[in-house]
Protein backbone atom coordinates (compact mmCIF):
# COMPACT_ATOMS: atom_id res chain seq x y z
CA MET A 1 -55.14 37.52 35.27
CA PRO A 2 -57.02 34.84 37.14
CA VAL A 3 -57.17 31.40 35.58
CA THR A 4 -60.61 30.51 34.47
CA GLU A 5 -62.09 27.03 34.50
CA ARG A 6 -61.90 27.02 30.72
CA ASP A 7 -58.19 27.85 30.74
CA GLN A 8 -57.56 25.09 33.26
CA ALA A 9 -59.44 22.53 31.14
CA GLU A 10 -57.45 23.50 28.02
CA THR A 11 -54.21 23.16 29.96
CA GLU A 12 -55.17 19.66 31.12
CA GLU A 13 -56.10 18.59 27.59
CA ARG A 14 -52.92 19.79 25.84
CA PRO A 15 -50.58 16.87 26.84
CA ARG A 16 -53.04 14.28 25.67
CA GLY A 17 -51.91 14.56 22.02
CA PRO A 18 -48.26 13.65 22.67
CA ARG A 19 -49.27 10.95 25.13
CA ARG A 20 -51.52 9.35 22.54
CA THR A 21 -48.72 9.46 19.95
CA ARG A 22 -46.29 7.83 22.35
CA SER A 23 -48.88 5.21 23.19
CA ARG A 24 -49.42 4.39 19.55
CA ILE A 25 -45.67 4.11 18.94
CA ALA A 26 -45.29 1.83 21.94
CA ALA A 27 -48.13 -0.37 20.69
CA ALA A 28 -46.58 -0.55 17.22
CA VAL A 29 -43.18 -1.45 18.67
CA SER A 30 -44.81 -4.12 20.81
CA VAL A 31 -46.59 -5.64 17.82
CA PHE A 32 -43.38 -5.51 15.75
CA GLY A 33 -41.49 -7.18 18.56
CA GLU A 34 -44.05 -9.97 18.78
CA LEU A 35 -43.82 -10.47 15.02
CA LEU A 36 -40.03 -10.75 15.27
CA ILE A 37 -40.33 -13.30 18.06
CA THR A 38 -42.89 -15.29 16.08
CA THR A 39 -40.72 -15.15 12.96
CA GLY A 40 -37.71 -16.25 15.00
CA LEU A 41 -39.63 -19.21 16.39
CA ILE A 42 -40.79 -20.23 12.92
CA LEU A 43 -37.23 -20.02 11.58
CA ALA A 44 -35.93 -22.00 14.56
CA LEU A 45 -38.54 -24.70 13.93
CA PHE A 46 -37.63 -24.78 10.24
CA VAL A 47 -33.93 -25.16 11.05
CA ALA A 48 -34.73 -27.91 13.56
CA TYR A 49 -36.81 -29.68 10.92
CA SER A 50 -34.15 -29.31 8.23
CA LEU A 51 -31.13 -30.29 10.32
CA TRP A 52 -32.59 -32.72 12.83
CA TRP A 53 -35.98 -34.15 11.97
CA THR A 54 -35.09 -34.87 8.34
CA ASN A 55 -32.08 -36.79 9.67
CA VAL A 56 -34.36 -38.86 11.90
CA LEU A 57 -36.72 -39.69 9.03
CA ALA A 58 -33.86 -40.40 6.61
CA ASP A 59 -32.07 -42.68 9.07
CA GLN A 60 -35.25 -44.67 9.62
CA GLU A 61 -35.77 -45.09 5.88
CA ALA A 62 -32.11 -46.01 5.36
CA LYS A 63 -32.35 -48.63 8.11
CA ARG A 64 -35.35 -50.24 6.40
CA GLU A 65 -33.63 -50.25 3.02
CA SER A 66 -30.38 -51.57 4.49
CA ASP A 67 -32.17 -54.39 6.27
CA LYS A 68 -33.85 -55.31 3.01
CA VAL A 69 -30.49 -55.60 1.25
CA ARG A 70 -28.88 -57.63 4.03
CA ASP A 71 -31.91 -59.93 4.25
CA SER A 72 -31.64 -60.49 0.51
CA TRP A 73 -27.96 -61.34 0.85
CA ALA A 74 -28.63 -63.70 3.73
CA ALA A 75 -31.34 -65.47 1.73
CA ASP A 76 -28.98 -65.64 -1.24
CA GLU A 77 -31.66 -64.10 -3.43
CA ASP A 78 -29.09 -62.52 -5.75
CA THR A 79 -28.51 -65.37 -8.16
CA GLY A 80 -26.27 -63.35 -10.45
CA PRO A 81 -22.58 -64.20 -10.85
CA GLY A 82 -20.58 -62.39 -8.18
CA ASP A 83 -21.28 -58.79 -7.19
CA ARG A 84 -23.72 -56.78 -9.24
CA ASP A 85 -26.17 -53.87 -9.12
CA THR A 86 -29.53 -55.03 -7.75
CA LYS A 87 -31.16 -51.55 -7.71
CA ASP A 88 -32.07 -52.09 -4.04
CA GLY A 89 -28.52 -51.19 -3.15
CA ILE A 90 -25.14 -52.44 -4.29
CA GLY A 91 -23.48 -52.45 -0.89
CA PHE A 92 -22.32 -50.45 2.10
CA LEU A 93 -19.70 -47.74 2.49
CA HIS A 94 -17.59 -47.72 5.67
CA VAL A 95 -15.42 -44.69 6.48
CA PRO A 96 -13.98 -44.93 10.02
CA ALA A 97 -12.79 -41.31 9.95
CA MET A 98 -16.38 -40.11 9.54
CA GLY A 99 -17.62 -42.24 12.43
CA LYS A 100 -19.03 -45.67 13.08
CA GLY A 101 -21.82 -47.06 11.00
CA GLU A 102 -22.44 -47.98 7.40
CA ILE A 103 -23.92 -46.10 4.48
CA LEU A 104 -26.13 -47.87 1.97
CA VAL A 105 -25.18 -47.08 -1.62
CA LYS A 106 -27.74 -47.07 -4.41
CA GLU A 107 -27.89 -45.83 -7.98
CA GLY A 108 -28.43 -42.14 -8.66
CA ILE A 109 -27.70 -38.75 -7.13
CA ASN A 110 -31.13 -37.13 -7.42
CA PRO A 111 -32.53 -35.65 -4.18
CA LYS A 112 -35.35 -38.18 -4.01
CA GLU A 113 -32.77 -40.95 -3.53
CA LEU A 114 -30.22 -39.09 -1.42
CA ASN A 115 -32.93 -37.78 0.92
CA GLN A 116 -33.43 -41.38 2.08
CA GLY A 117 -30.23 -41.21 4.11
CA ILE A 118 -28.00 -43.03 1.62
CA ALA A 119 -25.11 -42.32 -0.72
CA GLY A 120 -25.68 -42.55 -4.44
CA TYR A 121 -23.28 -43.47 -7.20
CA TYR A 122 -23.27 -41.14 -10.19
CA ASP A 123 -25.47 -42.03 -13.11
CA LYS A 124 -25.03 -38.55 -14.64
CA PRO A 125 -23.38 -36.35 -15.89
CA VAL A 126 -20.60 -38.95 -15.70
CA LYS A 127 -21.41 -42.64 -15.34
CA SER A 128 -19.65 -44.13 -12.33
CA ALA A 129 -17.61 -47.30 -12.59
CA MET A 130 -18.47 -50.12 -10.18
CA PRO A 131 -16.03 -51.31 -7.50
CA TRP A 132 -15.69 -54.71 -9.18
CA ASP A 133 -14.76 -53.18 -12.55
CA GLN A 134 -11.12 -53.73 -13.44
CA ARG A 135 -10.60 -50.02 -13.91
CA GLY A 136 -12.51 -46.80 -13.41
CA ASN A 137 -13.70 -44.33 -10.79
CA PHE A 138 -16.39 -45.41 -8.31
CA SER A 139 -17.94 -41.98 -7.66
CA LEU A 140 -20.36 -41.28 -4.82
CA ALA A 141 -22.38 -38.37 -3.45
CA ALA A 142 -24.32 -37.83 -0.23
CA HIS A 143 -25.76 -34.98 1.81
CA ARG A 144 -23.58 -33.11 4.26
CA ASP A 145 -26.47 -31.61 6.25
CA GLY A 146 -30.03 -32.81 6.69
CA HIS A 147 -31.65 -35.92 5.22
CA GLY A 148 -29.24 -38.25 7.00
CA ALA A 149 -26.13 -36.08 6.45
CA LYS A 150 -24.06 -39.19 5.70
CA PHE A 151 -21.04 -37.14 4.58
CA HIS A 152 -21.31 -34.51 7.33
CA ASN A 153 -17.87 -35.38 8.74
CA ILE A 154 -16.09 -35.69 5.41
CA HIS A 155 -13.64 -32.98 6.54
CA LYS A 156 -12.29 -35.42 9.16
CA ILE A 157 -10.90 -37.74 6.48
CA LYS A 158 -7.12 -37.49 6.09
CA LYS A 159 -4.67 -38.79 3.51
CA GLY A 160 -3.84 -42.41 4.26
CA ASP A 161 -7.23 -43.14 5.87
CA PRO A 162 -9.07 -46.28 4.78
CA VAL A 163 -12.36 -46.27 2.90
CA VAL A 164 -14.03 -49.68 2.70
CA PHE A 165 -16.85 -50.73 0.43
CA GLU A 166 -18.76 -53.91 1.27
CA THR A 167 -20.71 -55.93 -1.28
CA LYS A 168 -22.39 -59.28 -0.94
CA ASN A 169 -19.21 -61.17 -1.83
CA THR A 170 -16.30 -58.76 -1.48
CA TRP A 171 -14.61 -56.17 0.71
CA PHE A 172 -12.98 -53.42 -1.37
CA ILE A 173 -10.33 -51.61 0.65
CA TYR A 174 -9.27 -48.18 -0.60
CA LYS A 175 -6.68 -45.74 0.75
CA VAL A 176 -7.25 -41.97 0.60
CA TYR A 177 -4.49 -40.29 -1.40
CA ALA A 178 -5.85 -36.81 -2.24
CA ILE A 179 -8.38 -34.27 -0.92
CA LEU A 180 -9.83 -31.18 -2.60
CA PRO A 181 -11.53 -29.05 0.10
CA GLN A 182 -13.33 -26.80 -2.36
CA THR A 183 -14.15 -26.81 -6.05
CA SER A 184 -16.93 -25.63 -8.32
CA LYS A 185 -20.19 -27.56 -8.25
CA PHE A 186 -19.84 -27.76 -12.04
CA ASN A 187 -16.42 -29.41 -11.93
CA VAL A 188 -17.25 -32.87 -13.27
CA GLU A 189 -13.62 -33.66 -14.08
CA VAL A 190 -13.19 -34.84 -10.49
CA LEU A 191 -15.33 -37.83 -11.55
CA ASP A 192 -13.21 -38.81 -14.53
CA SER A 193 -12.16 -42.45 -14.78
CA VAL A 194 -8.62 -41.16 -14.34
CA PRO A 195 -9.07 -38.19 -11.96
CA LYS A 196 -6.12 -36.11 -13.14
CA GLU A 197 -6.98 -33.29 -10.74
CA SER A 198 -6.11 -35.70 -7.93
CA GLY A 199 -2.65 -36.23 -9.39
CA LYS A 200 -3.31 -39.54 -11.15
CA LYS A 201 -2.27 -40.03 -14.78
CA LYS A 202 -2.89 -43.72 -15.37
CA ALA A 203 -5.99 -45.92 -15.30
CA GLY A 204 -6.64 -47.61 -11.99
CA ARG A 205 -9.39 -48.49 -9.56
CA TYR A 206 -10.40 -45.32 -7.76
CA ILE A 207 -13.14 -44.12 -5.42
CA THR A 208 -14.38 -40.52 -5.19
CA LEU A 209 -16.55 -39.07 -2.40
CA THR A 210 -18.33 -35.77 -3.11
CA THR A 211 -20.55 -33.50 -1.03
CA CYS A 212 -21.49 -29.85 -0.55
CA THR A 213 -19.29 -27.29 1.17
CA PRO A 214 -19.08 -25.09 3.24
CA VAL A 215 -21.31 -26.67 5.87
CA PHE A 216 -24.97 -25.63 5.62
CA THR A 217 -24.51 -24.44 2.03
CA SER A 218 -24.31 -25.93 -1.46
CA ASN A 219 -22.05 -23.33 -3.04
CA TYR A 220 -19.10 -25.62 -3.70
CA ARG A 221 -18.08 -29.29 -3.57
CA TYR A 222 -15.72 -31.14 -1.23
CA ILE A 223 -13.84 -34.03 -2.86
CA VAL A 224 -12.00 -37.04 -1.43
CA TRP A 225 -10.14 -39.52 -3.65
CA GLY A 226 -8.99 -43.03 -2.77
CA GLU A 227 -7.26 -45.84 -4.63
CA LEU A 228 -7.95 -49.55 -4.28
CA GLU A 229 -5.27 -51.33 -2.25
CA ARG A 230 -6.73 -54.82 -2.13
CA THR A 231 -9.90 -56.89 -1.98
CA GLU A 232 -10.96 -59.59 0.47
CA SER A 233 -13.62 -62.24 0.02
CA VAL A 234 -16.53 -62.09 2.44
CA ASP A 235 -16.60 -65.13 4.70
CA ALA A 236 -19.65 -66.84 6.19
CA ASP A 237 -19.53 -64.59 9.28
CA ARG A 238 -18.96 -61.43 7.24
CA THR A 239 -15.83 -60.73 9.27
CA PRO A 240 -14.73 -57.19 8.41
CA PRO A 241 -11.18 -56.37 7.30
CA GLN A 242 -8.69 -55.10 9.85
CA GLU A 243 -9.36 -51.50 8.82
CA LEU A 244 -12.82 -51.84 10.38
CA ALA A 245 -11.77 -53.85 13.42
CA GLY A 246 -13.52 -52.53 16.48
CA GLY A 247 -15.68 -50.24 14.36
């Protein structure tokens, strides 16, 4: 039979349905792909903000607060007897194994304080002892990632490493004797005045550093314990002890 013009037109129109379907699928895939790219960019920006920009802001705030404390010391504004808690900051933590630099220490472990790029001494659930107390556990916490990440390199601390705390009048030199790489976030016994989990059984003068672990999570806590070896008076030039020489 001869092909009529009508038959030819119907034959030309038949493939259009599948082509339109494929075109719609391709358009949907393209839109979905663009959404994935956009979502990826947003997530990347959020990560950059959380892990980099918050560090920048926290370090700037910590520098301002640290300068305020040191200016106060230089002006001899603290008229109290010896070392004491001034609320602006009780002193500076130095841990050579974690890198150069100092960490301002203030009261409290709430995020508002720790987000300022500092370390905080525990005011709850267990009250921390002070370094100048004759016995007790000077217990500190700081972020491991973001907001200054002052304890980011805590895993680099080894047994025998020095941990130095500087106050207006005194250098407190501790020696690391025990490390607990992972424990429950609810394990407050690590903060006890006699931290038995570290192996100690008698009262002494201890320091405990705590932070989140693994990196980029807050599932568990990483613990480092040290014991006071000696103290040194701060001289007029604030010459650091030999453990910080060259730091």
